[in-house]
N, C-alpha and C. Protein backbone atom coordinates (compact mmCIF):
# COMPACT_ATOMS: atom_id res chain seq x y z
N UNK A 1 -15.11 20.86 25.09
CA UNK A 1 -13.91 20.86 25.90
C UNK A 1 -12.86 19.95 25.26
N UNK A 2 -11.60 20.35 25.28
CA UNK A 2 -10.52 19.58 24.67
C UNK A 2 -10.16 18.35 25.47
N UNK A 3 -9.31 17.56 24.87
CA UNK A 3 -8.87 16.34 25.53
C UNK A 3 -7.83 16.67 26.59
N UNK A 4 -7.82 15.85 27.64
CA UNK A 4 -6.83 16.04 28.70
C UNK A 4 -5.50 15.46 28.26
N UNK A 5 -4.46 15.79 28.99
CA UNK A 5 -3.13 15.26 28.70
C UNK A 5 -3.14 13.73 28.77
N UNK A 6 -3.87 13.19 29.73
CA UNK A 6 -3.96 11.73 29.87
C UNK A 6 -4.63 11.10 28.65
N UNK A 7 -5.70 11.74 28.17
CA UNK A 7 -6.39 11.26 26.96
C UNK A 7 -5.42 11.23 25.78
N UNK A 8 -4.65 12.31 25.63
CA UNK A 8 -3.72 12.41 24.52
C UNK A 8 -2.63 11.35 24.62
N UNK A 9 -2.12 11.10 25.83
CA UNK A 9 -1.10 10.06 26.02
C UNK A 9 -1.66 8.69 25.66
N UNK A 10 -2.92 8.46 26.02
CA UNK A 10 -3.55 7.18 25.71
C UNK A 10 -3.72 7.01 24.19
N UNK A 11 -4.12 8.06 23.51
CA UNK A 11 -4.27 8.02 22.05
C UNK A 11 -2.93 7.73 21.39
N UNK A 12 -1.88 8.43 21.84
CA UNK A 12 -0.54 8.22 21.28
C UNK A 12 -0.09 6.77 21.51
N UNK A 13 -0.35 6.23 22.69
CA UNK A 13 0.01 4.84 22.99
C UNK A 13 -0.74 3.88 22.07
N UNK A 14 -2.02 4.15 21.82
CA UNK A 14 -2.82 3.30 20.93
C UNK A 14 -2.29 3.38 19.49
N UNK A 15 -1.92 4.57 19.06
CA UNK A 15 -1.35 4.74 17.72
C UNK A 15 -0.04 3.97 17.59
N UNK A 16 0.82 4.07 18.61
CA UNK A 16 2.09 3.33 18.59
C UNK A 16 1.83 1.84 18.49
N UNK A 17 0.85 1.36 19.24
CA UNK A 17 0.50 -0.07 19.22
C UNK A 17 0.03 -0.48 17.82
N UNK A 18 -0.84 0.30 17.22
CA UNK A 18 -1.34 0.00 15.87
C UNK A 18 -0.21 0.04 14.85
N UNK A 19 0.67 1.03 14.96
CA UNK A 19 1.80 1.14 14.04
C UNK A 19 2.77 -0.03 14.19
N UNK A 20 2.93 -0.53 15.41
CA UNK A 20 3.87 -1.64 15.63
C UNK A 20 3.43 -2.91 14.90
N UNK A 21 2.13 -3.02 14.61
CA UNK A 21 1.60 -4.19 13.91
C UNK A 21 1.50 -3.98 12.41
N UNK A 22 1.62 -2.73 11.95
CA UNK A 22 1.41 -2.40 10.54
C UNK A 22 2.66 -2.63 9.70
N UNK A 23 2.42 -2.99 8.43
CA UNK A 23 3.50 -3.07 7.45
C UNK A 23 3.58 -1.79 6.62
N UNK A 24 2.43 -1.14 6.48
CA UNK A 24 2.33 0.03 5.62
C UNK A 24 1.38 1.03 6.26
N UNK A 25 1.74 2.31 6.19
CA UNK A 25 0.86 3.39 6.65
C UNK A 25 0.65 4.33 5.47
N UNK A 26 -0.61 4.66 5.23
CA UNK A 26 -0.95 5.57 4.14
C UNK A 26 -1.69 6.76 4.73
N UNK A 27 -1.29 7.96 4.31
CA UNK A 27 -1.94 9.18 4.78
C UNK A 27 -2.89 9.65 3.69
N UNK A 28 -4.15 9.84 4.07
CA UNK A 28 -5.12 10.36 3.12
C UNK A 28 -5.69 11.68 3.65
N UNK A 29 -6.09 12.52 2.72
CA UNK A 29 -6.81 13.74 3.07
C UNK A 29 -8.28 13.35 3.04
N UNK A 30 -8.92 13.40 4.19
CA UNK A 30 -10.29 12.91 4.28
C UNK A 30 -11.31 14.05 4.37
N UNK A 31 -10.90 15.25 4.04
CA UNK A 31 -11.78 16.42 4.14
C UNK A 31 -13.12 16.14 3.46
N UNK A 32 -14.20 16.36 4.19
CA UNK A 32 -15.53 16.19 3.62
C UNK A 32 -16.16 14.84 3.86
N UNK A 33 -15.39 13.87 4.36
CA UNK A 33 -15.98 12.56 4.63
C UNK A 33 -16.84 12.63 5.89
N UNK A 34 -17.97 11.95 5.84
CA UNK A 34 -18.85 11.90 7.00
C UNK A 34 -18.43 10.75 7.91
N UNK A 35 -18.96 10.71 9.10
CA UNK A 35 -18.69 9.61 10.03
C UNK A 35 -19.14 8.29 9.41
N UNK A 36 -20.27 8.31 8.73
CA UNK A 36 -20.79 7.11 8.07
C UNK A 36 -19.81 6.62 7.00
N UNK A 37 -19.25 7.55 6.24
CA UNK A 37 -18.29 7.18 5.18
C UNK A 37 -16.99 6.62 5.79
N UNK A 38 -16.53 7.22 6.87
CA UNK A 38 -15.32 6.72 7.54
C UNK A 38 -15.59 5.30 8.06
N UNK A 39 -16.78 5.07 8.61
CA UNK A 39 -17.16 3.74 9.10
C UNK A 39 -17.19 2.75 7.93
N UNK A 40 -17.72 3.19 6.79
CA UNK A 40 -17.74 2.34 5.59
C UNK A 40 -16.32 1.97 5.18
N UNK A 41 -15.42 2.96 5.18
CA UNK A 41 -14.02 2.70 4.83
C UNK A 41 -13.41 1.68 5.79
N UNK A 42 -13.64 1.86 7.08
CA UNK A 42 -13.10 0.92 8.07
C UNK A 42 -13.64 -0.49 7.82
N UNK A 43 -14.91 -0.59 7.50
CA UNK A 43 -15.52 -1.90 7.24
C UNK A 43 -14.95 -2.56 5.99
N UNK A 44 -14.56 -1.76 5.01
CA UNK A 44 -13.94 -2.31 3.79
C UNK A 44 -12.50 -2.77 4.05
N UNK A 45 -11.80 -2.03 4.93
CA UNK A 45 -10.39 -2.34 5.20
C UNK A 45 -10.21 -3.54 6.14
N UNK A 46 -11.09 -3.65 7.12
CA UNK A 46 -10.92 -4.66 8.17
C UNK A 46 -10.70 -6.08 7.65
N UNK A 47 -11.49 -6.59 6.67
CA UNK A 47 -11.25 -7.96 6.19
C UNK A 47 -9.90 -8.15 5.52
N UNK A 48 -9.28 -7.06 5.10
CA UNK A 48 -7.98 -7.12 4.42
C UNK A 48 -6.82 -6.84 5.38
N UNK A 49 -7.11 -6.75 6.66
CA UNK A 49 -6.05 -6.52 7.64
C UNK A 49 -5.64 -5.06 7.75
N UNK A 50 -6.57 -4.16 7.50
CA UNK A 50 -6.28 -2.72 7.58
C UNK A 50 -7.24 -2.01 8.51
N UNK A 51 -6.87 -0.78 8.88
CA UNK A 51 -7.73 0.04 9.71
C UNK A 51 -7.54 1.50 9.29
N UNK A 52 -8.51 2.30 9.60
CA UNK A 52 -8.44 3.74 9.32
C UNK A 52 -8.49 4.47 10.65
N UNK A 53 -7.45 5.23 10.95
CA UNK A 53 -7.39 6.03 12.17
C UNK A 53 -7.53 7.50 11.81
N UNK A 54 -8.47 8.15 12.44
CA UNK A 54 -8.64 9.59 12.26
C UNK A 54 -8.17 10.22 13.57
N UNK A 55 -7.09 10.98 13.49
CA UNK A 55 -6.53 11.61 14.69
C UNK A 55 -5.84 12.89 14.29
N UNK A 56 -5.52 13.69 15.27
CA UNK A 56 -4.81 14.94 14.99
C UNK A 56 -3.39 14.63 14.53
N UNK A 57 -2.92 15.42 13.59
CA UNK A 57 -1.55 15.25 13.07
C UNK A 57 -0.52 15.34 14.20
N UNK A 58 -0.75 16.24 15.17
CA UNK A 58 0.23 16.39 16.26
C UNK A 58 0.34 15.10 17.06
N UNK A 59 -0.78 14.41 17.27
CA UNK A 59 -0.74 13.15 18.02
C UNK A 59 -0.03 12.06 17.22
N UNK A 60 -0.30 12.00 15.91
CA UNK A 60 0.39 11.01 15.07
C UNK A 60 1.89 11.31 15.05
N UNK A 61 2.26 12.59 14.95
CA UNK A 61 3.68 12.94 14.94
C UNK A 61 4.36 12.53 16.25
N UNK A 62 3.65 12.66 17.36
CA UNK A 62 4.20 12.18 18.64
C UNK A 62 4.38 10.66 18.62
N UNK A 63 3.44 9.96 18.01
CA UNK A 63 3.50 8.49 17.96
C UNK A 63 4.65 7.99 17.09
N UNK A 64 5.01 8.75 16.05
CA UNK A 64 6.04 8.28 15.12
C UNK A 64 7.41 8.88 15.36
N UNK A 65 7.51 9.84 16.27
CA UNK A 65 8.78 10.58 16.40
C UNK A 65 9.97 9.71 16.78
N UNK A 66 9.76 8.61 17.48
CA UNK A 66 10.88 7.76 17.90
C UNK A 66 10.98 6.47 17.10
N UNK A 67 10.20 6.35 16.03
CA UNK A 67 10.18 5.12 15.25
C UNK A 67 10.65 5.40 13.82
N UNK A 68 11.85 4.92 13.51
CA UNK A 68 12.45 5.18 12.20
C UNK A 68 11.61 4.67 11.04
N UNK A 69 10.82 3.61 11.28
CA UNK A 69 9.96 3.09 10.21
C UNK A 69 8.92 4.10 9.75
N UNK A 70 8.41 4.89 10.68
CA UNK A 70 7.29 5.77 10.38
C UNK A 70 7.63 7.25 10.36
N UNK A 71 8.82 7.64 10.83
CA UNK A 71 9.20 9.06 10.87
C UNK A 71 9.04 9.80 9.54
N UNK A 72 9.37 9.17 8.40
CA UNK A 72 9.23 9.91 7.14
C UNK A 72 7.81 10.42 6.88
N UNK A 73 6.82 9.78 7.49
CA UNK A 73 5.43 10.16 7.30
C UNK A 73 5.12 11.54 7.88
N UNK A 74 5.96 12.01 8.80
CA UNK A 74 5.70 13.30 9.47
C UNK A 74 5.53 14.44 8.48
N UNK A 75 6.29 14.41 7.38
CA UNK A 75 6.22 15.54 6.44
C UNK A 75 4.92 15.59 5.64
N UNK A 76 4.13 14.52 5.66
CA UNK A 76 2.84 14.58 4.95
C UNK A 76 1.65 14.59 5.93
N UNK A 77 1.94 14.71 7.22
CA UNK A 77 0.89 14.84 8.24
C UNK A 77 0.50 16.32 8.32
N UNK A 78 -0.51 16.70 7.55
CA UNK A 78 -0.95 18.09 7.53
C UNK A 78 -2.44 18.12 7.21
N UNK A 79 -3.06 19.22 7.48
CA UNK A 79 -4.49 19.43 7.22
C UNK A 79 -5.35 18.30 7.78
N UNK A 80 -6.36 17.85 7.03
CA UNK A 80 -7.28 16.81 7.50
C UNK A 80 -6.72 15.44 7.15
N UNK A 81 -6.03 14.82 8.10
CA UNK A 81 -5.38 13.54 7.82
C UNK A 81 -6.10 12.38 8.48
N UNK A 82 -6.23 11.31 7.70
CA UNK A 82 -6.64 10.01 8.23
C UNK A 82 -5.52 9.06 7.85
N UNK A 83 -5.34 8.03 8.64
CA UNK A 83 -4.21 7.13 8.46
C UNK A 83 -4.71 5.71 8.25
N UNK A 84 -4.35 5.15 7.09
CA UNK A 84 -4.68 3.76 6.81
C UNK A 84 -3.49 2.94 7.29
N UNK A 85 -3.69 2.12 8.29
CA UNK A 85 -2.63 1.28 8.83
C UNK A 85 -2.93 -0.16 8.42
N UNK A 86 -2.06 -0.70 7.58
CA UNK A 86 -2.33 -2.00 6.96
C UNK A 86 -1.34 -3.03 7.49
N UNK A 87 -1.90 -4.10 8.03
CA UNK A 87 -1.08 -5.15 8.63
C UNK A 87 -0.80 -6.30 7.68
N UNK A 88 -1.78 -6.70 6.89
CA UNK A 88 -1.64 -7.95 6.14
C UNK A 88 -1.63 -7.75 4.63
N UNK A 89 -2.78 -7.83 4.02
CA UNK A 89 -2.91 -7.84 2.56
C UNK A 89 -2.79 -6.41 2.03
N UNK A 90 -1.56 -5.99 1.76
CA UNK A 90 -1.32 -4.60 1.34
C UNK A 90 -2.11 -4.25 0.09
N UNK A 91 -1.94 -5.05 -0.96
CA UNK A 91 -2.63 -4.78 -2.21
C UNK A 91 -4.14 -4.82 -2.05
N UNK A 92 -4.64 -5.82 -1.33
CA UNK A 92 -6.08 -5.96 -1.13
C UNK A 92 -6.68 -4.80 -0.35
N UNK A 93 -5.97 -4.37 0.70
CA UNK A 93 -6.47 -3.24 1.51
C UNK A 93 -6.47 -1.95 0.68
N UNK A 94 -5.42 -1.74 -0.11
CA UNK A 94 -5.36 -0.53 -0.93
C UNK A 94 -6.42 -0.56 -2.03
N UNK A 95 -6.69 -1.75 -2.57
CA UNK A 95 -7.77 -1.87 -3.56
C UNK A 95 -9.11 -1.55 -2.90
N UNK A 96 -9.30 -2.02 -1.67
CA UNK A 96 -10.54 -1.70 -0.93
C UNK A 96 -10.67 -0.19 -0.74
N UNK A 97 -9.56 0.49 -0.44
CA UNK A 97 -9.58 1.95 -0.31
C UNK A 97 -9.94 2.59 -1.66
N UNK A 98 -9.32 2.10 -2.74
CA UNK A 98 -9.58 2.68 -4.06
C UNK A 98 -11.06 2.55 -4.44
N UNK A 99 -11.65 1.39 -4.12
CA UNK A 99 -13.08 1.20 -4.40
C UNK A 99 -13.91 2.20 -3.58
N UNK A 100 -13.52 2.37 -2.32
CA UNK A 100 -14.20 3.35 -1.47
C UNK A 100 -14.07 4.75 -2.06
N UNK A 101 -12.86 5.09 -2.49
CA UNK A 101 -12.58 6.43 -3.03
C UNK A 101 -13.40 6.69 -4.30
N UNK A 102 -13.53 5.66 -5.14
CA UNK A 102 -14.33 5.82 -6.37
C UNK A 102 -15.78 6.12 -6.01
N UNK A 103 -16.28 5.48 -4.96
CA UNK A 103 -17.67 5.69 -4.55
C UNK A 103 -17.87 7.05 -3.89
N UNK A 104 -16.92 7.45 -3.02
CA UNK A 104 -17.11 8.70 -2.26
C UNK A 104 -16.58 9.93 -3.00
N UNK A 105 -15.52 9.76 -3.76
CA UNK A 105 -14.86 10.84 -4.50
C UNK A 105 -14.46 12.02 -3.60
N UNK A 106 -14.18 11.74 -2.34
CA UNK A 106 -13.87 12.84 -1.41
C UNK A 106 -12.46 12.77 -0.83
N UNK A 107 -11.81 11.63 -0.87
CA UNK A 107 -10.51 11.52 -0.22
C UNK A 107 -9.40 11.42 -1.26
N UNK A 108 -8.19 11.78 -0.83
CA UNK A 108 -7.04 11.77 -1.72
C UNK A 108 -5.85 11.19 -0.96
N UNK A 109 -5.07 10.33 -1.62
CA UNK A 109 -3.86 9.79 -1.00
C UNK A 109 -2.78 10.87 -1.05
N UNK A 110 -2.19 11.16 0.11
CA UNK A 110 -1.05 12.09 0.16
C UNK A 110 0.27 11.35 -0.01
N UNK A 111 0.30 10.13 0.46
CA UNK A 111 1.52 9.33 0.43
C UNK A 111 1.47 8.34 1.57
N UNK A 112 2.63 7.83 1.94
CA UNK A 112 2.66 6.86 3.02
C UNK A 112 4.08 6.58 3.47
N UNK A 113 4.21 5.57 4.29
CA UNK A 113 5.52 5.16 4.77
C UNK A 113 5.55 3.65 4.89
N UNK A 114 6.73 3.10 4.60
CA UNK A 114 6.93 1.66 4.70
C UNK A 114 8.42 1.42 4.86
N UNK A 115 8.77 0.66 5.89
CA UNK A 115 10.17 0.29 6.13
C UNK A 115 11.10 1.50 6.13
N UNK A 116 10.67 2.59 6.75
CA UNK A 116 11.51 3.77 6.88
C UNK A 116 11.59 4.65 5.65
N UNK A 117 10.75 4.37 4.67
CA UNK A 117 10.81 5.13 3.41
C UNK A 117 9.50 5.86 3.20
N UNK A 118 9.60 7.12 2.79
CA UNK A 118 8.43 7.91 2.44
C UNK A 118 7.95 7.46 1.06
N UNK A 119 6.66 7.21 0.94
CA UNK A 119 6.08 6.77 -0.32
C UNK A 119 5.24 7.89 -0.92
N UNK A 120 5.34 8.05 -2.22
CA UNK A 120 4.51 9.01 -2.94
C UNK A 120 3.15 8.37 -3.23
N UNK A 121 2.24 9.17 -3.72
CA UNK A 121 0.94 8.63 -4.14
C UNK A 121 1.14 7.55 -5.20
N UNK A 122 2.07 7.77 -6.14
CA UNK A 122 2.35 6.78 -7.20
C UNK A 122 2.88 5.47 -6.60
N UNK A 123 3.74 5.57 -5.58
CA UNK A 123 4.26 4.37 -4.91
C UNK A 123 3.11 3.57 -4.30
N UNK A 124 2.22 4.27 -3.63
CA UNK A 124 1.09 3.61 -2.97
C UNK A 124 0.20 2.95 -4.01
N UNK A 125 -0.03 3.62 -5.13
CA UNK A 125 -0.86 3.04 -6.19
C UNK A 125 -0.18 1.82 -6.80
N UNK A 126 1.15 1.84 -6.89
CA UNK A 126 1.88 0.68 -7.42
C UNK A 126 1.71 -0.52 -6.50
N UNK A 127 1.73 -0.28 -5.19
CA UNK A 127 1.51 -1.37 -4.23
C UNK A 127 0.10 -1.92 -4.38
N UNK A 128 -0.86 -1.04 -4.64
CA UNK A 128 -2.25 -1.47 -4.83
C UNK A 128 -2.38 -2.40 -6.03
N UNK A 129 -1.51 -2.24 -7.02
CA UNK A 129 -1.57 -3.06 -8.22
C UNK A 129 -0.96 -4.45 -8.04
N UNK A 130 -0.29 -4.66 -6.90
CA UNK A 130 0.29 -5.98 -6.65
C UNK A 130 -0.82 -7.00 -6.44
N UNK A 131 -0.58 -8.27 -6.80
CA UNK A 131 -1.60 -9.29 -6.55
C UNK A 131 -1.81 -9.48 -5.05
N UNK A 132 -3.01 -9.88 -4.68
CA UNK A 132 -3.30 -10.13 -3.27
C UNK A 132 -2.57 -11.39 -2.81
N UNK A 133 -2.51 -11.57 -1.51
CA UNK A 133 -1.86 -12.75 -0.94
C UNK A 133 -2.50 -14.02 -1.50
N UNK A 134 -3.84 -14.03 -1.61
CA UNK A 134 -4.54 -15.21 -2.13
C UNK A 134 -4.17 -15.46 -3.59
N UNK A 135 -4.07 -14.38 -4.38
CA UNK A 135 -3.70 -14.54 -5.78
C UNK A 135 -2.27 -15.08 -5.91
N UNK A 136 -1.36 -14.54 -5.10
CA UNK A 136 0.02 -15.03 -5.13
C UNK A 136 0.10 -16.49 -4.75
N UNK A 137 -0.63 -16.87 -3.70
CA UNK A 137 -0.62 -18.27 -3.26
C UNK A 137 -1.19 -19.18 -4.36
N UNK A 138 -2.24 -18.74 -5.03
CA UNK A 138 -2.82 -19.52 -6.13
C UNK A 138 -1.83 -19.65 -7.28
N UNK A 139 -1.12 -18.55 -7.60
CA UNK A 139 -0.12 -18.61 -8.67
C UNK A 139 1.01 -19.57 -8.31
N UNK A 140 1.47 -19.50 -7.07
CA UNK A 140 2.55 -20.40 -6.64
C UNK A 140 2.08 -21.84 -6.66
N UNK A 141 0.87 -22.08 -6.13
CA UNK A 141 0.32 -23.43 -6.12
C UNK A 141 0.17 -23.95 -7.55
N UNK A 142 -0.29 -23.09 -8.45
CA UNK A 142 -0.43 -23.50 -9.85
C UNK A 142 0.92 -23.84 -10.47
N UNK A 143 1.93 -23.04 -10.17
CA UNK A 143 3.27 -23.30 -10.71
C UNK A 143 3.82 -24.61 -10.15
N UNK A 144 3.64 -24.81 -8.85
CA UNK A 144 4.13 -26.05 -8.23
C UNK A 144 3.39 -27.25 -8.81
N UNK A 145 2.08 -27.11 -8.95
CA UNK A 145 1.27 -28.19 -9.50
C UNK A 145 1.69 -28.51 -10.93
N UNK A 146 1.97 -27.46 -11.73
CA UNK A 146 2.40 -27.66 -13.10
C UNK A 146 3.74 -28.39 -13.17
N UNK A 147 4.68 -28.01 -12.32
CA UNK A 147 5.99 -28.67 -12.27
C UNK A 147 5.82 -30.12 -11.83
N UNK A 148 4.99 -30.33 -10.81
CA UNK A 148 4.77 -31.69 -10.31
C UNK A 148 4.14 -32.57 -11.38
N UNK A 149 3.19 -32.03 -12.14
CA UNK A 149 2.55 -32.79 -13.21
C UNK A 149 3.56 -33.16 -14.29
N UNK A 150 4.37 -32.17 -14.70
CA UNK A 150 5.39 -32.45 -15.73
C UNK A 150 6.40 -33.49 -15.23
N UNK A 151 6.78 -33.36 -13.97
CA UNK A 151 7.72 -34.31 -13.39
C UNK A 151 7.11 -35.71 -13.34
N UNK A 152 5.85 -35.79 -12.93
CA UNK A 152 5.18 -37.09 -12.86
C UNK A 152 5.08 -37.71 -14.25
N UNK A 153 4.72 -36.91 -15.24
CA UNK A 153 4.62 -37.43 -16.61
C UNK A 153 6.00 -37.87 -17.11
N UNK A 154 7.01 -37.09 -16.79
CA UNK A 154 8.37 -37.43 -17.21
C UNK A 154 8.85 -38.72 -16.56
N UNK A 155 8.58 -38.87 -15.27
CA UNK A 155 8.99 -40.08 -14.56
C UNK A 155 8.22 -41.28 -15.09
N UNK A 156 6.94 -41.09 -15.38
CA UNK A 156 6.10 -42.17 -15.91
C UNK A 156 6.63 -42.60 -17.28
N UNK A 157 7.14 -41.64 -18.04
CA UNK A 157 7.61 -41.91 -19.40
C UNK A 157 8.94 -42.67 -19.42
N UNK A 158 9.73 -42.57 -18.36
CA UNK A 158 11.06 -43.20 -18.33
C UNK A 158 10.98 -44.72 -18.56
N UNK A 159 10.14 -45.45 -17.82
CA UNK A 159 10.12 -46.91 -18.04
C UNK A 159 9.72 -47.28 -19.47
N UNK A 160 8.71 -46.60 -20.03
CA UNK A 160 8.30 -46.96 -21.39
C UNK A 160 9.38 -46.58 -22.40
N UNK A 161 10.08 -45.45 -22.18
CA UNK A 161 11.18 -45.07 -23.06
C UNK A 161 12.31 -46.09 -22.98
N UNK A 162 12.60 -46.53 -21.77
CA UNK A 162 13.64 -47.52 -21.56
C UNK A 162 13.24 -48.83 -22.21
N UNK A 163 11.99 -49.21 -22.06
CA UNK A 163 11.50 -50.44 -22.67
C UNK A 163 11.60 -50.36 -24.19
N UNK A 164 11.24 -49.23 -24.79
CA UNK A 164 11.32 -49.07 -26.25
C UNK A 164 12.78 -49.14 -26.71
N UNK A 165 13.68 -48.51 -25.93
CA UNK A 165 15.09 -48.54 -26.30
C UNK A 165 15.64 -49.96 -26.23
N UNK A 166 15.28 -50.69 -25.19
CA UNK A 166 15.73 -52.09 -25.06
C UNK A 166 15.16 -52.95 -26.19
N UNK A 167 13.88 -52.73 -26.50
CA UNK A 167 13.25 -53.50 -27.57
C UNK A 167 13.93 -53.20 -28.91
N UNK A 168 14.26 -51.93 -29.16
CA UNK A 168 14.94 -51.56 -30.39
C UNK A 168 16.32 -52.23 -30.46
N UNK A 169 17.00 -52.30 -29.33
CA UNK A 169 18.31 -52.95 -29.28
C UNK A 169 18.18 -54.44 -29.58
N UNK A 170 17.17 -55.08 -28.95
CA UNK A 170 16.94 -56.52 -29.17
C UNK A 170 16.57 -56.76 -30.63
N UNK A 171 15.68 -55.89 -31.18
CA UNK A 171 15.28 -56.05 -32.58
C UNK A 171 16.47 -55.88 -33.50
N UNK A 172 17.33 -54.93 -33.20
CA UNK A 172 18.52 -54.68 -34.01
C UNK A 172 19.45 -55.89 -33.93
N UNK A 173 19.60 -56.43 -32.74
CA UNK A 173 20.45 -57.58 -32.53
C UNK A 173 19.88 -58.79 -33.26
N UNK A 174 18.55 -58.96 -33.22
CA UNK A 174 17.90 -60.07 -33.92
C UNK A 174 18.07 -59.96 -35.41
N UNK A 175 18.02 -58.69 -35.95
CA UNK A 175 18.21 -58.48 -37.37
C UNK A 175 19.59 -58.91 -37.79
N UNK A 176 20.60 -58.64 -36.97
CA UNK A 176 21.98 -59.05 -37.29
C UNK A 176 22.06 -60.57 -37.33
N UNK A 177 21.42 -61.21 -36.32
CA UNK A 177 21.44 -62.69 -36.27
C UNK A 177 20.70 -63.26 -37.47
N UNK A 178 19.61 -62.63 -37.84
CA UNK A 178 18.82 -63.08 -39.00
C UNK A 178 19.61 -62.94 -40.28
N UNK A 179 20.38 -61.84 -40.44
CA UNK A 179 21.19 -61.61 -41.64
C UNK A 179 22.31 -62.64 -41.72
N UNK A 180 22.87 -62.98 -40.58
CA UNK A 180 23.98 -63.93 -40.55
C UNK A 180 23.49 -65.32 -40.92
N UNK A 181 22.27 -65.68 -40.56
CA UNK A 181 21.74 -67.01 -40.83
C UNK A 181 21.37 -67.16 -42.30
N UNK A 182 21.05 -66.10 -42.98
CA UNK A 182 20.62 -66.18 -44.37
C UNK A 182 21.72 -66.33 -45.32
């Protein structure tokens, strides 16, 4: 038996709620994936701030019809669609999907949407190549630490440089006095 109108309204409301928290939505063709494989994908995405929603395209289209951020996705909602809704670590979540895809070899990225723009499969793969939030934070921390170290060494060097310059001046002045006395 099919879902009731109330069930469908509830699903659409849940999709809207999930989309409101997401930064990126990716549409995949999941034809052939088993329930176990979908569960595996969800388990891989969850630590990275992502989720996989399997729903009818018509329900997803209802959920996105009034939201300019996600409307472009409507044109790739066809056939067997699953939706990766990513809230946090975009690159990390997409890498988790890619690892899953390599293992299952059954799903294909159709594209996605982000900030009102339709993304191609190539766009989504480019986002996957971005460093993770942790990697970016480590790079920034390393850069800051490097600058701080150079600054500390430079500041430490100022007094000794000043002392050498003063000593050279005194020595030069003493040489003049010594020449005059001879």
